[in-house]
Each structure stands twice: as structure tokens, then as C-alpha cells.
PDB file of all heavy atoms in Angstrom:
ATOM      1  N   ARG A   1      -0.644  -4.285  -5.137  1.00  0.00           N
ATOM      2  CA  ARG A   1      -1.412  -3.098  -5.496  1.00  0.00           C
ATOM      3  C   ARG A   1      -2.179  -2.643  -4.266  1.00  0.00           C
ATOM      4  O   ARG A   1      -2.805  -3.463  -3.593  1.00  0.00           O
ATOM      5  CB  ARG A   1      -2.383  -3.407  -6.635  1.00  0.00           C
ATOM      6  CG  ARG A   1      -1.715  -3.688  -7.965  1.00  0.00           C
ATOM      7  CD  ARG A   1      -2.757  -4.265  -8.960  1.00  0.00           C
ATOM      8  NE  ARG A   1      -2.216  -4.439 -10.292  1.00  0.00           N
ATOM      9  CZ  ARG A   1      -1.491  -5.494 -10.677  1.00  0.00           C
ATOM     10  NH1 ARG A   1      -1.207  -6.464  -9.834  1.00  0.00           N
ATOM     11  NH2 ARG A   1      -1.054  -5.580 -11.922  1.00  0.00           N
ATOM     12  N   TYR A   2      -2.150  -1.327  -4.006  1.00  0.00           N
ATOM     13  CA  TYR A   2      -2.890  -0.742  -2.894  1.00  0.00           C
ATOM     14  C   TYR A   2      -4.087   0.014  -3.469  1.00  0.00           C
ATOM     15  O   TYR A   2      -3.930   0.807  -4.401  1.00  0.00           O
ATOM     16  CB  TYR A   2      -2.039   0.251  -2.105  1.00  0.00           C
ATOM     17  CG  TYR A   2      -0.809  -0.318  -1.438  1.00  0.00           C
ATOM     18  CD1 TYR A   2       0.255   0.521  -1.122  1.00  0.00           C
ATOM     19  CD2 TYR A   2      -0.686  -1.667  -1.097  1.00  0.00           C
ATOM     20  CE1 TYR A   2       1.388   0.033  -0.492  1.00  0.00           C
ATOM     21  CE2 TYR A   2       0.446  -2.158  -0.473  1.00  0.00           C
ATOM     22  CZ  TYR A   2       1.476  -1.309  -0.168  1.00  0.00           C
ATOM     23  OH  TYR A   2       2.607  -1.780   0.459  1.00  0.00           O
ATOM     24  N   PHE A   3      -5.255  -0.200  -2.883  1.00  0.00           N
ATOM     25  CA  PHE A   3      -6.489   0.457  -3.316  1.00  0.00           C
ATOM     26  C   PHE A   3      -7.113   1.223  -2.154  1.00  0.00           C
ATOM     27  O   PHE A   3      -6.970   0.825  -0.992  1.00  0.00           O
ATOM     28  CB  PHE A   3      -7.501  -0.577  -3.812  1.00  0.00           C
ATOM     29  CG  PHE A   3      -7.060  -1.339  -5.020  1.00  0.00           C
ATOM     30  CD1 PHE A   3      -6.311  -2.502  -4.888  1.00  0.00           C
ATOM     31  CD2 PHE A   3      -7.393  -0.906  -6.293  1.00  0.00           C
ATOM     32  CE1 PHE A   3      -5.896  -3.216  -6.008  1.00  0.00           C
ATOM     33  CE2 PHE A   3      -6.982  -1.618  -7.415  1.00  0.00           C
ATOM     34  CZ  PHE A   3      -6.228  -2.769  -7.272  1.00  0.00           C
ATOM     35  N   ASP A   4      -7.846   2.290  -2.476  1.00  0.00           N
ATOM     36  CA  ASP A   4      -8.565   3.029  -1.436  1.00  0.00           C
ATOM     37  C   ASP A   4     -10.005   2.516  -1.344  1.00  0.00           C
ATOM     38  O   ASP A   4     -10.396   1.583  -2.063  1.00  0.00           O
ATOM     39  CB  ASP A   4      -8.503   4.538  -1.674  1.00  0.00           C
ATOM     40  CG  ASP A   4      -9.229   5.007  -2.925  1.00  0.00           C
ATOM     41  OD1 ASP A   4      -9.985   4.216  -3.549  1.00  0.00           O
ATOM     42  OD2 ASP A   4      -9.043   6.189  -3.291  1.00  0.00           O
ATOM     43  N   ALA A   5     -10.803   3.140  -0.482  1.00  0.00           N
ATOM     44  CA  ALA A   5     -12.171   2.679  -0.246  1.00  0.00           C
ATOM     45  C   ALA A   5     -13.051   2.777  -1.485  1.00  0.00           C
ATOM     46  O   ALA A   5     -13.999   1.996  -1.640  1.00  0.00           O
ATOM     47  CB  ALA A   5     -12.792   3.478   0.901  1.00  0.00           C
ATOM     48  N   ALA A   6     -12.739   3.710  -2.377  1.00  0.00           N
ATOM     49  CA  ALA A   6     -13.515   3.860  -3.617  1.00  0.00           C
ATOM     50  C   ALA A   6     -13.085   2.853  -4.677  1.00  0.00           C
ATOM     51  O   ALA A   6     -13.672   2.798  -5.753  1.00  0.00           O
ATOM     52  CB  ALA A   6     -13.367   5.281  -4.148  1.00  0.00           C
ATOM     53  N   GLY A   7     -12.041   2.067  -4.390  1.00  0.00           N
ATOM     54  CA  GLY A   7     -11.543   1.098  -5.362  1.00  0.00           C
ATOM     55  C   GLY A   7     -10.509   1.665  -6.314  1.00  0.00           C
ATOM     56  O   GLY A   7     -10.093   0.992  -7.251  1.00  0.00           O
ATOM     57  N   ASP A   8     -10.085   2.910  -6.080  1.00  0.00           N
ATOM     58  CA  ASP A   8      -9.072   3.524  -6.942  1.00  0.00           C
ATOM     59  C   ASP A   8      -7.695   2.954  -6.615  1.00  0.00           C
ATOM     60  O   ASP A   8      -7.358   2.768  -5.449  1.00  0.00           O
ATOM     61  CB  ASP A   8      -9.045   5.044  -6.744  1.00  0.00           C
ATOM     62  CG  ASP A   8     -10.322   5.708  -7.224  1.00  0.00           C
ATOM     63  OD1 ASP A   8     -10.867   5.270  -8.259  1.00  0.00           O
ATOM     64  OD2 ASP A   8     -10.776   6.656  -6.558  1.00  0.00           O
ATOM     65  N   LEU A   9      -6.928   2.697  -7.652  1.00  0.00           N
ATOM     66  CA  LEU A   9      -5.573   2.183  -7.490  1.00  0.00           C
ATOM     67  C   LEU A   9      -4.667   3.303  -6.998  1.00  0.00           C
ATOM     68  O   LEU A   9      -4.518   4.323  -7.667  1.00  0.00           O
ATOM     69  CB  LEU A   9      -5.046   1.623  -8.813  1.00  0.00           C
ATOM     70  CG  LEU A   9      -3.622   1.077  -8.803  1.00  0.00           C
ATOM     71  CD1 LEU A   9      -3.478  -0.105  -7.841  1.00  0.00           C
ATOM     72  CD2 LEU A   9      -3.222   0.663 -10.220  1.00  0.00           C
ATOM     73  N   LEU A  10      -4.077   3.105  -5.834  1.00  0.00           N
ATOM     74  CA  LEU A  10      -3.188   4.112  -5.269  1.00  0.00           C
ATOM     75  C   LEU A  10      -1.735   3.873  -5.639  1.00  0.00           C
ATOM     76  O   LEU A  10      -1.000   4.815  -5.903  1.00  0.00           O
ATOM     77  CB  LEU A  10      -3.316   4.134  -3.740  1.00  0.00           C
ATOM     78  CG  LEU A  10      -4.681   4.485  -3.184  1.00  0.00           C
ATOM     79  CD1 LEU A  10      -4.659   4.419  -1.660  1.00  0.00           C
ATOM     80  CD2 LEU A  10      -5.116   5.860  -3.661  1.00  0.00           C
ATOM     81  N   TYR A  11      -1.304   2.614  -5.631  1.00  0.00           N
ATOM     82  CA  TYR A  11       0.132   2.334  -5.767  1.00  0.00           C
ATOM     83  C   TYR A  11       0.337   0.912  -6.261  1.00  0.00           C
ATOM     84  O   TYR A  11      -0.413   0.007  -5.907  1.00  0.00           O
ATOM     85  CB  TYR A  11       0.794   2.501  -4.385  1.00  0.00           C
ATOM     86  CG  TYR A  11       2.299   2.478  -4.409  1.00  0.00           C
ATOM     87  CD1 TYR A  11       3.026   3.630  -4.681  1.00  0.00           C
ATOM     88  CD2 TYR A  11       3.008   1.313  -4.165  1.00  0.00           C
ATOM     89  CE1 TYR A  11       4.413   3.617  -4.708  1.00  0.00           C
ATOM     90  CE2 TYR A  11       4.396   1.288  -4.193  1.00  0.00           C
ATOM     91  CZ  TYR A  11       5.085   2.444  -4.460  1.00  0.00           C
ATOM     92  OH  TYR A  11       6.453   2.429  -4.491  1.00  0.00           O
ATOM     93  N   VAL A  12       1.373   0.723  -7.067  1.00  0.00           N
ATOM     94  CA  VAL A  12       1.804  -0.601  -7.527  1.00  0.00           C
ATOM     95  C   VAL A  12       3.266  -0.756  -7.161  1.00  0.00           C
ATOM     96  O   VAL A  12       4.066   0.162  -7.377  1.00  0.00           O
ATOM     97  CB  VAL A  12       1.646  -0.760  -9.060  1.00  0.00           C
ATOM     98  CG1 VAL A  12       2.176  -2.115  -9.516  1.00  0.00           C
ATOM     99  CG2 VAL A  12       0.199  -0.581  -9.486  1.00  0.00           C
ATOM    100  N   GLY A  13       3.619  -1.904  -6.608  1.00  0.00           N
ATOM    101  CA  GLY A  13       5.009  -2.136  -6.243  1.00  0.00           C
ATOM    102  C   GLY A  13       5.394  -3.590  -6.386  1.00  0.00           C
ATOM    103  O   GLY A  13       4.569  -4.451  -6.686  1.00  0.00           O
ATOM    104  N   CYS A  14       6.671  -3.864  -6.159  1.00  0.00           N
ATOM    105  CA  CYS A  14       7.238  -5.198  -6.284  1.00  0.00           C
ATOM    106  C   CYS A  14       8.200  -5.401  -5.115  1.00  0.00           C
ATOM    107  O   CYS A  14       8.994  -4.511  -4.810  1.00  0.00           O
ATOM    108  CB  CYS A  14       7.973  -5.284  -7.616  1.00  0.00           C
ATOM    109  SG  CYS A  14       9.021  -6.720  -7.832  1.00  0.00           S
ATOM    110  N   SER A  15       8.119  -6.562  -4.480  1.00  0.00           N
ATOM    111  CA  SER A  15       9.010  -6.832  -3.361  1.00  0.00           C
ATOM    112  C   SER A  15       9.109  -8.328  -3.115  1.00  0.00           C
ATOM    113  O   SER A  15       8.197  -9.075  -3.428  1.00  0.00           O
ATOM    114  CB  SER A  15       8.479  -6.160  -2.092  1.00  0.00           C
ATOM    115  OG  SER A  15       9.306  -6.466  -0.981  1.00  0.00           O
ATOM    116  N   HIS A  16      10.219  -8.734  -2.521  1.00  0.00           N
ATOM    117  CA  HIS A  16      10.335 -10.133  -2.101  1.00  0.00           C
ATOM    118  C   HIS A  16       9.850 -10.286  -0.659  1.00  0.00           C
ATOM    119  O   HIS A  16       9.715 -11.391  -0.160  1.00  0.00           O
ATOM    120  CB  HIS A  16      11.770 -10.654  -2.281  1.00  0.00           C
ATOM    121  CG  HIS A  16      12.762 -10.094  -1.330  1.00  0.00           C
ATOM    122  ND1 HIS A  16      13.238  -8.807  -1.426  1.00  0.00           N
ATOM    123  CD2 HIS A  16      13.370 -10.633  -0.263  1.00  0.00           C
ATOM    124  CE1 HIS A  16      14.101  -8.588  -0.451  1.00  0.00           C
ATOM    125  NE2 HIS A  16      14.197  -9.664   0.274  1.00  0.00           N
ATOM    126  N   ARG A  17       9.548  -9.144  -0.016  1.00  0.00           N
ATOM    127  CA  ARG A  17       9.026  -9.159   1.353  1.00  0.00           C
ATOM    128  C   ARG A  17       7.895  -8.135   1.458  1.00  0.00           C
ATOM    129  O   ARG A  17       8.071  -7.051   2.011  1.00  0.00           O
ATOM    130  CB  ARG A  17      10.137  -8.824   2.341  1.00  0.00           C
ATOM    131  CG  ARG A  17      11.317  -9.775   2.251  1.00  0.00           C
ATOM    132  CD  ARG A  17      12.449  -9.390   3.154  1.00  0.00           C
ATOM    133  NE  ARG A  17      12.838  -7.986   2.968  1.00  0.00           N
ATOM    134  CZ  ARG A  17      13.729  -7.359   3.711  1.00  0.00           C
ATOM    135  NH1 ARG A  17      14.334  -7.975   4.680  1.00  0.00           N
ATOM    136  NH2 ARG A  17      14.038  -6.101   3.471  1.00  0.00           N
ATOM    137  N   PRO A  18       6.703  -8.441   0.935  1.00  0.00           N
ATOM    138  CA  PRO A  18       5.621  -7.452   0.902  1.00  0.00           C
ATOM    139  C   PRO A  18       5.229  -6.895   2.271  1.00  0.00           C
ATOM    140  O   PRO A  18       4.925  -5.714   2.386  1.00  0.00           O
ATOM    141  CB  PRO A  18       4.451  -8.205   0.272  1.00  0.00           C
ATOM    142  CG  PRO A  18       5.037  -9.386  -0.394  1.00  0.00           C
ATOM    143  CD  PRO A  18       6.333  -9.688   0.284  1.00  0.00           C
ATOM    144  N   ALA A  19       5.247  -7.716   3.311  1.00  0.00           N
ATOM    145  CA  ALA A  19       4.862  -7.220   4.641  1.00  0.00           C
ATOM    146  C   ALA A  19       5.876  -6.205   5.162  1.00  0.00           C
ATOM    147  O   ALA A  19       5.498  -5.178   5.741  1.00  0.00           O
ATOM    148  CB  ALA A  19       4.721  -8.383   5.619  1.00  0.00           C
ATOM    149  N   ILE A  20       7.148  -6.474   4.943  1.00  0.00           N
ATOM    150  CA  ILE A  20       8.181  -5.529   5.365  1.00  0.00           C
ATOM    151  C   ILE A  20       8.121  -4.271   4.505  1.00  0.00           C
ATOM    152  O   ILE A  20       8.282  -3.154   4.998  1.00  0.00           O
ATOM    153  CB  ILE A  20       9.573  -6.193   5.335  1.00  0.00           C
ATOM    154  CG1 ILE A  20       9.634  -7.259   6.434  1.00  0.00           C
ATOM    155  CG2 ILE A  20      10.690  -5.167   5.489  1.00  0.00           C
ATOM    156  CD1 ILE A  20      10.855  -8.131   6.409  1.00  0.00           C
ATOM    157  N   ARG A  21       7.843  -4.441   3.234  1.00  0.00           N
ATOM    158  CA  ARG A  21       7.717  -3.273   2.343  1.00  0.00           C
ATOM    159  C   ARG A  21       6.545  -2.402   2.783  1.00  0.00           C
ATOM    160  O   ARG A  21       6.619  -1.174   2.744  1.00  0.00           O
ATOM    161  CB  ARG A  21       7.548  -3.735   0.891  1.00  0.00           C
ATOM    162  CG  ARG A  21       7.629  -2.610  -0.095  1.00  0.00           C
ATOM    163  CD  ARG A  21       9.037  -2.008  -0.124  1.00  0.00           C
ATOM    164  NE  ARG A  21       9.094  -0.927  -1.081  1.00  0.00           N
ATOM    165  CZ  ARG A  21       9.404   0.330  -0.769  1.00  0.00           C
ATOM    166  NH1 ARG A  21       9.732   0.657   0.468  1.00  0.00           N
ATOM    167  NH2 ARG A  21       9.408   1.255  -1.695  1.00  0.00           N
ATOM    168  N   TRP A  22       5.442  -3.024   3.216  1.00  0.00           N
ATOM    169  CA  TRP A  22       4.285  -2.282   3.729  1.00  0.00           C
ATOM    170  C   TRP A  22       4.710  -1.421   4.928  1.00  0.00           C
ATOM    171  O   TRP A  22       4.356  -0.251   5.025  1.00  0.00           O
ATOM    172  CB  TRP A  22       3.161  -3.235   4.118  1.00  0.00           C
ATOM    173  CG  TRP A  22       2.048  -2.578   4.873  1.00  0.00           C
ATOM    174  CD1 TRP A  22       1.770  -2.710   6.196  1.00  0.00           C
ATOM    175  CD2 TRP A  22       1.059  -1.684   4.357  1.00  0.00           C
ATOM    176  NE1 TRP A  22       0.679  -1.950   6.539  1.00  0.00           N
ATOM    177  CE2 TRP A  22       0.214  -1.309   5.420  1.00  0.00           C
ATOM    178  CE3 TRP A  22       0.812  -1.149   3.085  1.00  0.00           C
ATOM    179  CZ2 TRP A  22      -0.855  -0.438   5.265  1.00  0.00           C
ATOM    180  CZ3 TRP A  22      -0.271  -0.276   2.943  1.00  0.00           C
ATOM    181  CH2 TRP A  22      -1.081   0.067   4.023  1.00  0.00           C
ATOM    182  N   ALA A  23       5.479  -2.006   5.838  1.00  0.00           N
ATOM    183  CA  ALA A  23       5.960  -1.265   7.013  1.00  0.00           C
ATOM    184  C   ALA A  23       6.829  -0.081   6.583  1.00  0.00           C
ATOM    185  O   ALA A  23       6.745   1.007   7.165  1.00  0.00           O
ATOM    186  CB  ALA A  23       6.732  -2.191   7.945  1.00  0.00           C
ATOM    187  N   GLU A  24       7.657  -0.282   5.554  1.00  0.00           N
ATOM    188  CA  GLU A  24       8.475   0.822   5.035  1.00  0.00           C
ATOM    189  C   GLU A  24       7.590   1.918   4.440  1.00  0.00           C
ATOM    190  O   GLU A  24       7.823   3.110   4.670  1.00  0.00           O
ATOM    191  CB  GLU A  24       9.457   0.302   3.988  1.00  0.00           C
ATOM    192  CG  GLU A  24      10.523  -0.602   4.547  1.00  0.00           C
ATOM    193  CD  GLU A  24      11.327  -1.337   3.476  1.00  0.00           C
ATOM    194  OE1 GLU A  24      11.000  -1.260   2.278  1.00  0.00           O
ATOM    195  OE2 GLU A  24      12.299  -2.006   3.871  1.00  0.00           O
ATOM    196  N   HIS A  25       6.582   1.521   3.669  1.00  0.00           N
ATOM    197  CA  HIS A  25       5.655   2.500   3.092  1.00  0.00           C
ATOM    198  C   HIS A  25       4.943   3.280   4.195  1.00  0.00           C
ATOM    199  O   HIS A  25       4.718   4.483   4.060  1.00  0.00           O
ATOM    200  CB  HIS A  25       4.613   1.823   2.199  1.00  0.00           C
ATOM    201  CG  HIS A  25       5.107   1.433   0.851  1.00  0.00           C
ATOM    202  ND1 HIS A  25       5.678   2.316  -0.031  1.00  0.00           N
ATOM    203  CD2 HIS A  25       5.105   0.239   0.215  1.00  0.00           C
ATOM    204  CE1 HIS A  25       6.007   1.680  -1.148  1.00  0.00           C
ATOM    205  NE2 HIS A  25       5.668   0.419  -1.016  1.00  0.00           N
ATOM    206  N   LYS A  26       4.576   2.614   5.273  1.00  0.00           N
ATOM    207  CA  LYS A  26       3.884   3.295   6.369  1.00  0.00           C
ATOM    208  C   LYS A  26       4.753   4.394   6.971  1.00  0.00           C
ATOM    209  O   LYS A  26       4.254   5.399   7.446  1.00  0.00           O
ATOM    210  CB  LYS A  26       3.457   2.287   7.438  1.00  0.00           C
ATOM    211  CG  LYS A  26       2.229   1.497   7.015  1.00  0.00           C
ATOM    212  CD  LYS A  26       1.864   0.418   7.997  1.00  0.00           C
ATOM    213  CE  LYS A  26       1.403   0.970   9.310  1.00  0.00           C
ATOM    214  NZ  LYS A  26       0.928  -0.079  10.233  1.00  0.00           N
ATOM    215  N   THR A  27       6.059   4.202   6.932  1.00  0.00           N
ATOM    216  CA  THR A  27       6.984   5.203   7.447  1.00  0.00           C
ATOM    217  C   THR A  27       7.185   6.344   6.448  1.00  0.00           C
ATOM    218  O   THR A  27       7.199   7.515   6.823  1.00  0.00           O
ATOM    219  CB  THR A  27       8.348   4.556   7.764  1.00  0.00           C
ATOM    220  OG1 THR A  27       8.143   3.541   8.743  1.00  0.00           O
ATOM    221  CG2 THR A  27       9.334   5.568   8.281  1.00  0.00           C
ATOM    222  N   THR A  28       7.336   6.001   5.174  1.00  0.00           N
ATOM    223  CA  THR A  28       7.670   7.017   4.166  1.00  0.00           C
ATOM    224  C   THR A  28       6.447   7.660   3.509  1.00  0.00           C
ATOM    225  O   THR A  28       6.540   8.766   2.999  1.00  0.00           O
ATOM    226  CB  THR A  28       8.562   6.424   3.066  1.00  0.00           C
ATOM    227  OG1 THR A  28       7.874   5.339   2.435  1.00  0.00           O
ATOM    228  CG2 THR A  28       9.888   5.935   3.645  1.00  0.00           C
ATOM    229  N   ARG A  29       5.327   6.957   3.455  1.00  0.00           N
ATOM    230  CA  ARG A  29       4.101   7.463   2.819  1.00  0.00           C
ATOM    231  C   ARG A  29       2.899   7.223   3.731  1.00  0.00           C
ATOM    232  O   ARG A  29       1.952   6.528   3.361  1.00  0.00           O
ATOM    233  CB  ARG A  29       3.861   6.766   1.479  1.00  0.00           C
ATOM    234  CG  ARG A  29       4.982   6.776   0.462  1.00  0.00           C
ATOM    235  CD  ARG A  29       5.271   8.124  -0.175  1.00  0.00           C
ATOM    236  NE  ARG A  29       4.208   8.734  -0.910  1.00  0.00           N
ATOM    237  CZ  ARG A  29       3.933   8.539  -2.195  1.00  0.00           C
ATOM    238  NH1 ARG A  29       4.623   7.693  -2.901  1.00  0.00           N
ATOM    239  NH2 ARG A  29       2.954   9.192  -2.771  1.00  0.00           N
ATOM    240  N   PRO A  30       2.909   7.783   4.944  1.00  0.00           N
ATOM    241  CA  PRO A  30       1.833   7.472   5.889  1.00  0.00           C
ATOM    242  C   PRO A  30       0.442   7.865   5.407  1.00  0.00           C
ATOM    243  O   PRO A  30      -0.535   7.166   5.691  1.00  0.00           O
ATOM    244  CB  PRO A  30       2.231   8.251   7.153  1.00  0.00           C
ATOM    245  CG  PRO A  30       3.147   9.324   6.676  1.00  0.00           C
ATOM    246  CD  PRO A  30       3.859   8.750   5.487  1.00  0.00           C
ATOM    247  N   GLY A  31       0.338   8.956   4.673  1.00  0.00           N
ATOM    248  CA  GLY A  31      -0.967   9.375   4.166  1.00  0.00           C
ATOM    249  C   GLY A  31      -1.550   8.388   3.188  1.00  0.00           C
ATOM    250  O   GLY A  31      -2.740   8.074   3.227  1.00  0.00           O
ATOM    251  N   VAL A  32      -0.711   7.885   2.294  1.00  0.00           N
ATOM    252  CA  VAL A  32      -1.169   6.883   1.325  1.00  0.00           C
ATOM    253  C   VAL A  32      -1.602   5.627   2.061  1.00  0.00           C
ATOM    254  O   VAL A  32      -2.687   5.093   1.810  1.00  0.00           O
ATOM    255  CB  VAL A  32      -0.066   6.551   0.291  1.00  0.00           C
ATOM    256  CG1 VAL A  32      -0.490   5.396  -0.595  1.00  0.00           C
ATOM    257  CG2 VAL A  32       0.267   7.764  -0.538  1.00  0.00           C
ATOM    258  N   CYS A  33      -0.782   5.167   2.975  1.00  0.00           N
ATOM    259  CA  CYS A  33      -1.095   3.929   3.697  1.00  0.00           C
ATOM    260  C   CYS A  33      -2.370   4.064   4.516  1.00  0.00           C
ATOM    261  O   CYS A  33      -3.138   3.103   4.632  1.00  0.00           O
ATOM    262  CB  CYS A  33       0.080   3.506   4.575  1.00  0.00           C
ATOM    263  SG  CYS A  33       1.485   2.958   3.576  1.00  0.00           S
ATOM    264  N   ALA A  34      -2.628   5.242   5.064  1.00  0.00           N
ATOM    265  CA  ALA A  34      -3.853   5.455   5.833  1.00  0.00           C
ATOM    266  C   ALA A  34      -5.090   5.324   4.947  1.00  0.00           C
ATOM    267  O   ALA A  34      -6.162   4.952   5.424  1.00  0.00           O
ATOM    268  CB  ALA A  34      -3.819   6.825   6.499  1.00  0.00           C
ATOM    269  N   ALA A  35      -4.939   5.601   3.659  1.00  0.00           N
ATOM    270  CA  ALA A  35      -6.065   5.530   2.728  1.00  0.00           C
ATOM    271  C   ALA A  35      -6.279   4.123   2.171  1.00  0.00           C
ATOM    272  O   ALA A  35      -7.324   3.846   1.583  1.00  0.00           O
ATOM    273  CB  ALA A  35      -5.853   6.505   1.577  1.00  0.00           C
ATOM    274  N   VAL A  36      -5.312   3.241   2.344  1.00  0.00           N
ATOM    275  CA  VAL A  36      -5.405   1.899   1.781  1.00  0.00           C
ATOM    276  C   VAL A  36      -6.438   1.078   2.548  1.00  0.00           C
ATOM    277  O   VAL A  36      -6.378   0.955   3.765  1.00  0.00           O
ATOM    278  CB  VAL A  36      -4.029   1.187   1.811  1.00  0.00           C
ATOM    279  CG1 VAL A  36      -4.158  -0.277   1.395  1.00  0.00           C
ATOM    280  CG2 VAL A  36      -3.043   1.909   0.903  1.00  0.00           C
ATOM    281  N   THR A  37      -7.385   0.527   1.792  1.00  0.00           N
ATOM    282  CA  THR A  37      -8.385  -0.359   2.395  1.00  0.00           C
ATOM    283  C   THR A  37      -8.329  -1.765   1.816  1.00  0.00           C
ATOM    284  O   THR A  37      -8.933  -2.682   2.356  1.00  0.00           O
ATOM    285  CB  THR A  37      -9.816   0.185   2.211  1.00  0.00           C
ATOM    286  OG1 THR A  37     -10.096   0.298   0.814  1.00  0.00           O
ATOM    287  CG2 THR A  37      -9.970   1.539   2.892  1.00  0.00           C
ATOM    288  N   LYS A  38      -7.603  -1.913   0.714  1.00  0.00           N
ATOM    289  CA  LYS A  38      -7.511  -3.225   0.072  1.00  0.00           C
ATOM    290  C   LYS A  38      -6.125  -3.378  -0.535  1.00  0.00           C
ATOM    291  O   LYS A  38      -5.607  -2.442  -1.147  1.00  0.00           O
ATOM    292  CB  LYS A  38      -8.570  -3.345  -1.021  1.00  0.00           C
ATOM    293  CG  LYS A  38      -8.609  -4.686  -1.722  1.00  0.00           C
ATOM    294  CD  LYS A  38      -9.733  -4.701  -2.743  1.00  0.00           C
ATOM    295  CE  LYS A  38      -9.815  -6.019  -3.463  1.00  0.00           C
ATOM    296  NZ  LYS A  38     -10.894  -6.019  -4.465  1.00  0.00           N
ATOM    297  N   VAL A  39      -5.545  -4.548  -0.377  1.00  0.00           N
ATOM    298  CA  VAL A  39      -4.244  -4.873  -0.957  1.00  0.00           C
ATOM    299  C   VAL A  39      -4.413  -6.146  -1.775  1.00  0.00           C
ATOM    300  O   VAL A  39      -4.985  -7.129  -1.283  1.00  0.00           O
ATOM    301  CB  VAL A  39      -3.174  -5.091   0.134  1.00  0.00           C
ATOM    302  CG1 VAL A  39      -1.843  -5.483  -0.489  1.00  0.00           C
ATOM    303  CG2 VAL A  39      -3.018  -3.851   1.002  1.00  0.00           C
ATOM    304  N   LYS A  40      -3.946  -6.120  -2.995  1.00  0.00           N
ATOM    305  CA  LYS A  40      -3.913  -7.322  -3.841  1.00  0.00           C
ATOM    306  C   LYS A  40      -2.461  -7.691  -4.078  1.00  0.00           C
ATOM    307  O   LYS A  40      -1.674  -6.847  -4.510  1.00  0.00           O
ATOM    308  CB  LYS A  40      -4.603  -7.081  -5.183  1.00  0.00           C
ATOM    309  CG  LYS A  40      -6.096  -7.037  -5.121  1.00  0.00           C
ATOM    310  CD  LYS A  40      -6.668  -6.958  -6.529  1.00  0.00           C
ATOM    311  CE  LYS A  40      -8.173  -6.986  -6.518  1.00  0.00           C
ATOM    312  NZ  LYS A  40      -8.720  -6.898  -7.885  1.00  0.00           N
ATOM    313  N   ILE A  41      -2.124  -8.938  -3.811  1.00  0.00           N
ATOM    314  CA  ILE A  41      -0.759  -9.420  -4.013  1.00  0.00           C
ATOM    315  C   ILE A  41      -0.812 -10.594  -4.982  1.00  0.00           C
ATOM    316  O   ILE A  41      -1.627 -11.504  -4.814  1.00  0.00           O
ATOM    317  CB  ILE A  41      -0.119  -9.857  -2.681  1.00  0.00           C
ATOM    318  CG1 ILE A  41      -0.049  -8.671  -1.713  1.00  0.00           C
ATOM    319  CG2 ILE A  41       1.266 -10.436  -2.923  1.00  0.00           C
ATOM    320  CD1 ILE A  41       0.480  -9.019  -0.341  1.00  0.00           C
TER     321      ILE A  41
END
């Protein structure tokens, strides 16, 4: 789960490689990733 600075839930996903998935998100959804301040796995 990706959260912004206000604690709002931005995105929920599933992966067997969360770090690689994060890198993919940074390419496809850079605005969302720029807002992420907290990740819960």
C-alpha cells in the first residue's frame, strides 16, 4: 500500500518483487510515486 503525507491511501498492489514493481510504478505513474511518503508491505 502506498500512502501520501496526509496518510491517504494512494494505491494497493500485489507483487512477488515489490522493489522492482516500485521501479515500474515510478516509470508509469511518476506523479503518484512522487507523492508517496509511506509504504506498507
